[in-house]
Structure formats: C-alpha cells, structure tokens
C-alpha cells in the first residue's frame, strides 16, 4: 500500500482529503504505526486503483 501511495505522485494530504481519511491516521498507517479501518482501507484501495484481497490463513493443528 505504501508503494502505491508513493507511486501515485500525490501527497498524503491530497489522498486524505480525497478519501475522507484523517490525515494523521493516514500518516500513522503509512509509517507503520497503526492500522486503518476496513472502510478506510477499502476507500484507499479504490482511490489508488488497487484490488485488495483478504485470505484467511488456516490455523495449524496442534498449535
């Protein structure tokens, strides 16, 4: 996601405005200090033209 933000050529401020994601939340996400809600991730992914796929990893038996 960070690479897509960098590749967009847009500032995080512009992305935050356009996606209605709090600028400080986006900065913390970008720097790896916190996550974003599923709704915010969805908006960000759509804005950046990404297809985000979530896959559940099966639990290992005996662990």
N, C-alpha and C. Protein backbone atom coordinates (compact mmCIF):
# COMPACT_ATOMS: atom_id res chain seq x y z
N UNK A 1 0.83 -1.18 0.00
CA UNK A 1 0.00 0.00 0.00
C UNK A 1 0.88 1.25 0.00
N UNK A 2 1.95 1.18 0.80
CA UNK A 2 2.87 2.33 0.86
C UNK A 2 3.46 2.63 -0.52
N UNK A 3 3.83 1.56 -1.23
CA UNK A 3 4.40 1.75 -2.57
C UNK A 3 3.38 2.38 -3.51
N UNK A 4 2.13 1.96 -3.41
CA UNK A 4 1.08 2.53 -4.26
C UNK A 4 0.87 4.01 -3.95
N UNK A 5 0.95 4.37 -2.67
CA UNK A 5 0.84 5.78 -2.29
C UNK A 5 1.99 6.57 -2.90
N UNK A 6 3.20 6.03 -2.76
CA UNK A 6 4.37 6.71 -3.32
C UNK A 6 4.27 6.83 -4.85
N UNK A 7 3.84 5.74 -5.49
CA UNK A 7 3.75 5.72 -6.95
C UNK A 7 2.66 6.63 -7.50
N UNK A 8 1.69 6.98 -6.65
CA UNK A 8 0.59 7.82 -7.12
C UNK A 8 1.05 9.23 -7.48
N UNK A 9 2.16 9.67 -6.89
CA UNK A 9 2.65 11.02 -7.14
C UNK A 9 1.86 12.08 -6.39
N UNK A 10 0.92 11.66 -5.56
CA UNK A 10 0.10 12.59 -4.79
C UNK A 10 0.63 12.69 -3.36
N UNK A 11 0.34 13.80 -2.74
CA UNK A 11 0.73 13.94 -1.34
C UNK A 11 -0.25 13.15 -0.47
N UNK A 12 0.21 12.77 0.70
CA UNK A 12 -0.69 12.09 1.64
C UNK A 12 -1.83 13.04 2.02
N UNK A 13 -1.56 14.33 2.07
CA UNK A 13 -2.60 15.31 2.38
C UNK A 13 -3.70 15.25 1.32
N UNK A 14 -3.34 15.23 0.04
CA UNK A 14 -4.32 15.17 -1.04
C UNK A 14 -5.12 13.87 -0.98
N UNK A 15 -4.42 12.77 -0.74
CA UNK A 15 -5.09 11.47 -0.65
C UNK A 15 -6.07 11.47 0.52
N UNK A 16 -5.64 12.01 1.65
CA UNK A 16 -6.51 12.08 2.83
C UNK A 16 -7.77 12.88 2.53
N UNK A 17 -7.61 14.02 1.88
CA UNK A 17 -8.77 14.85 1.52
C UNK A 17 -9.72 14.11 0.59
N UNK A 18 -9.16 13.50 -0.43
CA UNK A 18 -9.99 12.85 -1.45
C UNK A 18 -10.68 11.58 -0.95
N UNK A 19 -10.10 10.92 0.04
CA UNK A 19 -10.66 9.66 0.54
C UNK A 19 -11.41 9.83 1.85
N UNK A 20 -11.39 11.06 2.39
CA UNK A 20 -12.03 11.33 3.68
C UNK A 20 -11.44 10.48 4.81
N UNK A 21 -10.12 10.27 4.73
CA UNK A 21 -9.38 9.59 5.79
C UNK A 21 -8.60 10.66 6.54
N UNK A 22 -8.67 10.63 7.86
CA UNK A 22 -7.96 11.61 8.67
C UNK A 22 -6.48 11.61 8.28
N UNK A 23 -5.94 12.80 8.05
CA UNK A 23 -4.54 12.92 7.58
C UNK A 23 -3.55 12.29 8.56
N UNK A 24 -3.75 12.50 9.85
CA UNK A 24 -2.80 11.92 10.82
C UNK A 24 -2.94 10.40 10.87
N UNK A 25 -4.16 9.88 10.68
CA UNK A 25 -4.35 8.42 10.65
C UNK A 25 -3.66 7.83 9.43
N UNK A 26 -3.76 8.51 8.30
CA UNK A 26 -3.09 8.04 7.09
C UNK A 26 -1.57 8.08 7.26
N UNK A 27 -1.06 9.13 7.88
CA UNK A 27 0.38 9.24 8.12
C UNK A 27 0.87 8.12 9.05
N UNK A 28 0.11 7.84 10.09
CA UNK A 28 0.49 6.76 11.02
C UNK A 28 0.44 5.41 10.33
N UNK A 29 -0.56 5.20 9.47
CA UNK A 29 -0.65 3.96 8.70
C UNK A 29 0.55 3.86 7.75
N UNK A 30 0.82 4.92 7.04
CA UNK A 30 1.92 4.95 6.07
C UNK A 30 3.25 4.62 6.74
N UNK A 31 3.44 5.13 7.96
CA UNK A 31 4.70 4.91 8.68
C UNK A 31 4.71 3.63 9.51
N UNK A 32 3.64 2.85 9.43
CA UNK A 32 3.60 1.56 10.11
C UNK A 32 3.31 1.63 11.59
N UNK A 33 2.75 2.75 12.05
CA UNK A 33 2.50 2.91 13.48
C UNK A 33 1.09 2.53 13.88
N UNK A 34 0.19 2.36 12.90
CA UNK A 34 -1.18 1.95 13.22
C UNK A 34 -1.86 1.47 11.96
N UNK A 35 -2.96 0.77 12.13
CA UNK A 35 -3.72 0.28 11.00
C UNK A 35 -4.84 1.24 10.65
N UNK A 36 -5.58 0.90 9.62
CA UNK A 36 -6.76 1.66 9.22
C UNK A 36 -7.97 0.74 9.32
N UNK A 37 -9.13 1.33 9.46
CA UNK A 37 -10.35 0.54 9.48
C UNK A 37 -10.54 -0.12 8.12
N UNK A 38 -11.38 -1.14 8.08
CA UNK A 38 -11.66 -1.81 6.81
C UNK A 38 -12.28 -0.83 5.81
N UNK A 39 -13.16 0.04 6.30
CA UNK A 39 -13.79 1.02 5.41
C UNK A 39 -12.75 1.97 4.82
N UNK A 40 -11.81 2.42 5.66
CA UNK A 40 -10.77 3.33 5.18
C UNK A 40 -9.84 2.61 4.21
N UNK A 41 -9.48 1.37 4.50
CA UNK A 41 -8.64 0.60 3.59
C UNK A 41 -9.33 0.41 2.24
N UNK A 42 -10.63 0.16 2.28
CA UNK A 42 -11.40 -0.02 1.06
C UNK A 42 -11.39 1.27 0.22
N UNK A 43 -11.64 2.40 0.88
CA UNK A 43 -11.63 3.69 0.16
C UNK A 43 -10.25 3.98 -0.42
N UNK A 44 -9.22 3.73 0.38
CA UNK A 44 -7.85 3.99 -0.07
C UNK A 44 -7.49 3.10 -1.25
N UNK A 45 -7.83 1.82 -1.15
CA UNK A 45 -7.54 0.90 -2.24
C UNK A 45 -8.24 1.29 -3.52
N UNK A 46 -9.52 1.63 -3.43
CA UNK A 46 -10.26 2.05 -4.62
C UNK A 46 -9.67 3.33 -5.21
N UNK A 47 -9.32 4.26 -4.35
CA UNK A 47 -8.75 5.53 -4.80
C UNK A 47 -7.43 5.31 -5.56
N UNK A 48 -6.64 4.36 -5.08
CA UNK A 48 -5.33 4.10 -5.69
C UNK A 48 -5.42 3.08 -6.83
N UNK A 49 -6.63 2.59 -7.09
CA UNK A 49 -6.80 1.62 -8.18
C UNK A 49 -6.28 0.24 -7.84
N UNK A 50 -6.35 -0.13 -6.57
CA UNK A 50 -5.86 -1.43 -6.12
C UNK A 50 -7.00 -2.40 -5.90
N UNK A 51 -6.72 -3.65 -6.07
CA UNK A 51 -7.65 -4.71 -5.72
C UNK A 51 -7.07 -5.39 -4.49
N UNK A 52 -7.75 -5.26 -3.38
CA UNK A 52 -7.27 -5.81 -2.12
C UNK A 52 -7.99 -7.11 -1.86
N UNK A 53 -7.23 -8.17 -1.66
CA UNK A 53 -7.81 -9.49 -1.42
C UNK A 53 -7.36 -9.95 -0.03
N UNK A 54 -8.33 -10.34 0.76
CA UNK A 54 -8.02 -10.87 2.08
C UNK A 54 -8.23 -12.37 2.07
N UNK A 55 -7.27 -13.08 2.60
CA UNK A 55 -7.34 -14.52 2.65
C UNK A 55 -7.10 -14.96 4.08
N UNK A 56 -7.97 -15.81 4.56
CA UNK A 56 -7.79 -16.34 5.92
C UNK A 56 -6.77 -17.46 5.87
N UNK A 57 -5.77 -17.37 6.72
CA UNK A 57 -4.77 -18.41 6.83
C UNK A 57 -5.30 -19.49 7.77
N UNK A 58 -5.33 -20.74 7.31
CA UNK A 58 -5.83 -21.81 8.18
C UNK A 58 -4.96 -21.97 9.42
N UNK A 59 -5.61 -22.23 10.54
CA UNK A 59 -4.87 -22.48 11.78
C UNK A 59 -4.17 -23.82 11.68
N UNK A 60 -2.96 -23.87 12.22
CA UNK A 60 -2.22 -25.13 12.23
C UNK A 60 -2.74 -26.01 13.34
N UNK A 61 -2.85 -27.28 13.07
CA UNK A 61 -3.31 -28.23 14.08
C UNK A 61 -2.22 -28.45 15.11
N UNK A 62 -2.65 -28.58 16.35
CA UNK A 62 -1.69 -28.85 17.42
C UNK A 62 -0.97 -27.62 17.92
N UNK A 63 -1.42 -26.42 17.50
CA UNK A 63 -0.72 -25.22 17.90
C UNK A 63 -1.54 -24.38 18.70
